[in-house]
C-alpha atoms as a PDB file:
ATOM      1  CA  UNK A   1       0.491  15.221   4.910  1.00  0.00           C
ATOM      2  CA  UNK A   2       3.610  14.176   2.741  1.00  0.00           C
ATOM      3  CA  UNK A   3       4.155  10.546   2.125  1.00  0.00           C
ATOM      4  CA  UNK A   4       7.355   8.801   1.006  1.00  0.00           C
ATOM      5  CA  UNK A   5       6.970   4.915  -0.306  1.00  0.00           C
ATOM      6  CA  UNK A   6      10.364   2.778  -0.530  1.00  0.00           C
ATOM      7  CA  UNK A   7      11.367  -0.770  -0.599  1.00  0.00           C
ATOM      8  CA  UNK A   8      10.701  -1.638  -3.912  1.00  0.00           C
ATOM      9  CA  UNK A   9      13.288  -4.076  -6.136  1.00  0.00           C
ATOM     10  CA  UNK A  10      13.996  -6.446  -8.549  1.00  0.00           C
ATOM     11  CA  UNK A  11      12.778 -10.280  -7.027  1.00  0.00           C
ATOM     12  CA  UNK A  12      12.080 -13.974  -7.612  1.00  0.00           C
ATOM     13  CA  UNK A  13       8.657 -15.091  -8.348  1.00  0.00           C
ATOM     14  CA  UNK A  14       7.692 -16.568  -4.637  1.00  0.00           C
ATOM     15  CA  UNK A  15       9.927 -14.147  -3.021  1.00  0.00           C
ATOM     16  CA  UNK A  16       9.153 -11.652  -0.198  1.00  0.00           C
ATOM     17  CA  UNK A  17       9.073  -7.533  -0.037  1.00  0.00           C
ATOM     18  CA  UNK A  18       8.590  -5.073   2.273  1.00  0.00           C
ATOM     19  CA  UNK A  19       6.406  -1.308   1.129  1.00  0.00           C
ATOM     20  CA  UNK A  20       7.726   0.965   3.674  1.00  0.00           C
ATOM     21  CA  UNK A  21       5.390   4.589   3.656  1.00  0.00           C
ATOM     22  CA  UNK A  22       6.502   6.903   5.653  1.00  0.00           C
ATOM     23  CA  UNK A  23       4.304  10.053   6.358  1.00  0.00           C
ATOM     24  CA  UNK A  24       4.856  13.773   7.240  1.00  0.00           C
ATOM     25  CA  UNK A  25       3.353  17.275   8.286  1.00  0.00           C
ATOM     26  CA  UNK A  26       0.859  15.257  10.263  1.00  0.00           C
ATOM     27  CA  UNK A  27      -0.163  12.763  11.759  1.00  0.00           C
ATOM     28  CA  UNK A  28      -1.099   9.854  10.217  1.00  0.00           C
ATOM     29  CA  UNK A  29      -3.261   8.670  13.792  1.00  0.00           C
ATOM     30  CA  UNK A  30      -6.501   9.736  12.342  1.00  0.00           C
ATOM     31  CA  UNK A  31      -6.171   8.540   8.544  1.00  0.00           C
ATOM     32  CA  UNK A  32      -6.967   5.825   6.649  1.00  0.00           C
ATOM     33  CA  UNK A  33      -3.419   4.489   5.011  1.00  0.00           C
ATOM     34  CA  UNK A  34      -3.884   2.737   1.115  1.00  0.00           C
ATOM     35  CA  UNK A  35      -1.787   0.685  -1.148  1.00  0.00           C
ATOM     36  CA  UNK A  36      -2.238   1.812  -5.016  1.00  0.00           C
ATOM     37  CA  UNK A  37      -0.517  -0.283  -7.831  1.00  0.00           C
ATOM     38  CA  UNK A  38      -0.373   0.508 -11.660  1.00  0.00           C
ATOM     39  CA  UNK A  39       1.234  -1.872 -13.813  1.00  0.00           C
ATOM     40  CA  UNK A  40       2.477  -0.670 -17.317  1.00  0.00           C
ATOM     41  CA  UNK A  41      -0.150  -0.130 -19.843  1.00  0.00           C
ATOM     42  CA  UNK A  42      -2.951  -0.306 -17.244  1.00  0.00           C
ATOM     43  CA  UNK A  43      -5.167   1.559 -14.992  1.00  0.00           C
ATOM     44  CA  UNK A  44      -3.775   1.878 -10.979  1.00  0.00           C
ATOM     45  CA  UNK A  45      -6.006  -0.645  -8.527  1.00  0.00           C
ATOM     46  CA  UNK A  46      -6.662  -0.704  -5.013  1.00  0.00           C
ATOM     47  CA  UNK A  47      -4.623  -3.414  -3.254  1.00  0.00           C
ATOM     48  CA  UNK A  48      -4.828  -2.857   0.182  1.00  0.00           C
ATOM     49  CA  UNK A  49      -5.978  -0.243   3.227  1.00  0.00           C
ATOM     50  CA  UNK A  50      -6.168   0.083   6.911  1.00  0.00           C
ATOM     51  CA  UNK A  51      -8.452   2.073   8.713  1.00  0.00           C
ATOM     52  CA  UNK A  52      -7.391   3.853  11.728  1.00  0.00           C
ATOM     53  CA  UNK A  53      -8.905   1.681  14.073  1.00  0.00           C
ATOM     54  CA  UNK A  54      -6.446  -1.249  12.697  1.00  0.00           C
ATOM     55  CA  UNK A  55      -9.167  -2.730  10.211  1.00  0.00           C
ATOM     56  CA  UNK A  56      -8.463  -4.031   6.496  1.00  0.00           C
ATOM     57  CA  UNK A  57      -9.523  -4.404   3.830  1.00  0.00           C
ATOM     58  CA  UNK A  58      -7.439  -6.407   0.638  1.00  0.00           C
ATOM     59  CA  UNK A  59      -8.037  -6.595  -3.445  1.00  0.00           C
ATOM     60  CA  UNK A  60      -8.829 -10.317  -3.635  1.00  0.00           C
ATOM     61  CA  UNK A  61      -5.515 -11.493  -5.457  1.00  0.00           C
ATOM     62  CA  UNK A  62      -3.410 -10.959  -2.892  1.00  0.00           C
ATOM     63  CA  UNK A  63      -5.234 -12.271  -0.257  1.00  0.00           C
ATOM     64  CA  UNK A  64      -3.437 -14.094   2.256  1.00  0.00           C
ATOM     65  CA  UNK A  65       0.051 -12.772   0.688  1.00  0.00           C
ATOM     66  CA  UNK A  66      -0.383  -9.752   1.316  1.00  0.00           C
ATOM     67  CA  UNK A  67      -0.399  -7.920   4.665  1.00  0.00           C
ATOM     68  CA  UNK A  68      -0.778  -4.178   5.237  1.00  0.00           C
ATOM     69  CA  UNK A  69       0.037  -2.501   8.750  1.00  0.00           C
ATOM     70  CA  UNK A  70       0.436   0.717  10.534  1.00  0.00           C
ATOM     71  CA  UNK A  71       2.856   2.144  13.924  1.00  0.00           C
ATOM     72  CA  UNK A  72       1.159   5.367  14.059  1.00  0.00           C
ATOM     73  CA  UNK A  73       3.738   6.014  16.570  1.00  0.00           C
ATOM     74  CA  UNK A  74       6.703   6.238  13.922  1.00  0.00           C
ATOM     75  CA  UNK A  75       3.489   7.644  11.445  1.00  0.00           C
ATOM     76  CA  UNK A  76       4.256   5.142   8.764  1.00  0.00           C
ATOM     77  CA  UNK A  77       2.689   2.208   6.710  1.00  0.00           C
ATOM     78  CA  UNK A  78       3.366  -1.170   5.672  1.00  0.00           C
ATOM     79  CA  UNK A  79       3.160  -3.536   2.627  1.00  0.00           C
ATOM     80  CA  UNK A  80       3.935  -6.846   3.596  1.00  0.00           C
ATOM     81  CA  UNK A  81       4.492  -8.985   0.405  1.00  0.00           C
ATOM     82  CA  UNK A  82       4.970 -13.019  -0.022  1.00  0.00           C
ATOM     83  CA  UNK A  83       4.868 -14.986  -2.705  1.00  0.00           C
ATOM     84  CA  UNK A  84       5.187 -12.410  -4.611  1.00  0.00           C
ATOM     85  CA  UNK A  85       3.889 -13.465  -8.696  1.00  0.00           C
ATOM     86  CA  UNK A  86       5.083 -11.798 -11.947  1.00  0.00           C
ATOM     87  CA  UNK A  87       1.725 -10.241 -12.411  1.00  0.00           C
ATOM     88  CA  UNK A  88       2.070  -8.195  -9.036  1.00  0.00           C
ATOM     89  CA  UNK A  89       4.238  -6.010 -11.080  1.00  0.00           C
ATOM     90  CA  UNK A  90       3.617  -2.606 -10.782  1.00  0.00           C
ATOM     91  CA  UNK A  91       4.882   0.950  -9.309  1.00  0.00           C
ATOM     92  CA  UNK A  92       3.062   1.228  -6.190  1.00  0.00           C
ATOM     93  CA  UNK A  93       1.777   3.768  -4.154  1.00  0.00           C
ATOM     94  CA  UNK A  94       0.662   4.665  -1.108  1.00  0.00           C
ATOM     95  CA  UNK A  95      -1.958   6.933   0.464  1.00  0.00           C
ATOM     96  CA  UNK A  96      -3.668   8.514   2.701  1.00  0.00           C
ATOM     97  CA  UNK A  97      -7.214  10.294   3.163  1.00  0.00           C
ATOM     98  CA  UNK A  98      -8.964  11.632   6.769  1.00  0.00           C
ATOM     99  CA  UNK A  99     -12.195  10.548   7.268  1.00  0.00           C
ATOM    100  CA  UNK A 100     -13.011   7.491   6.156  1.00  0.00           C
ATOM    101  CA  UNK A 101     -15.015   4.857   7.793  1.00  0.00           C
ATOM    102  CA  UNK A 102     -14.455   1.509   7.981  1.00  0.00           C
ATOM    103  CA  UNK A 103     -17.221   0.009   5.483  1.00  0.00           C
ATOM    104  CA  UNK A 104     -15.518   2.432   2.134  1.00  0.00           C
ATOM    105  CA  UNK A 105     -11.869   1.647   2.692  1.00  0.00           C
ATOM    106  CA  UNK A 106     -11.402   0.226  -0.747  1.00  0.00           C
ATOM    107  CA  UNK A 107     -13.879   2.557  -2.491  1.00  0.00           C
ATOM    108  CA  UNK A 108     -12.437   5.890  -0.888  1.00  0.00           C
ATOM    109  CA  UNK A 109     -10.866   8.790  -2.512  1.00  0.00           C
ATOM    110  CA  UNK A 110      -7.645   8.776  -1.441  1.00  0.00           C
ATOM    111  CA  UNK A 111      -6.330  12.515  -1.754  1.00  0.00           C
ATOM    112  CA  UNK A 112      -2.742  12.568  -0.770  1.00  0.00           C
ATOM    113  CA  UNK A 113      -0.511  10.316  -2.692  1.00  0.00           C
ATOM    114  CA  UNK A 114       3.052   9.327  -2.123  1.00  0.00           C
ATOM    115  CA  UNK A 115       5.485   8.895  -5.510  1.00  0.00           C
ATOM    116  CA  UNK A 116       5.815   5.294  -6.604  1.00  0.00           C
ATOM    117  CA  UNK A 117       8.209   2.342  -5.632  1.00  0.00           C
ATOM    118  CA  UNK A 118       8.934  -0.152  -8.680  1.00  0.00           C
ATOM    119  CA  UNK A 119       8.108  -3.640  -7.684  1.00  0.00           C
ATOM    120  CA  UNK A 120       9.494  -6.218 -10.716  1.00  0.00           C
ATOM    121  CA  UNK A 121       8.745 -10.120 -10.194  1.00  0.00           C
ATOM    122  CA  UNK A 122      10.701 -11.888 -12.756  1.00  0.00           C
ATOM    123  CA  UNK A 123      13.110 -14.810 -12.711  1.00  0.00           C
END
């Protein structure tokens, strides 16, 4: 499956952005889909994931602010980001993996990656 992320940009603190990840090549219906991010000089970190069943997982620092969702019919995954903070600044990547069990959403290896989209939160 090929993944294409979009929707990044420059936003002021407290603002919102919606990232999209469009998949092609295969249906994502059976895939767990995830968002990761990598800030300058830091390691890539897990942000959120959604299981094929609709179950979700989030890193603590985005809980209550970010929402991951999926539209299998459109073969897309979204990340709605609200109340953005400067520390959310990073390149955001979408990822996909088939056969992930719900309890392992956050720690599963993801083998399919899209290119990143830059999110910058600054006044």
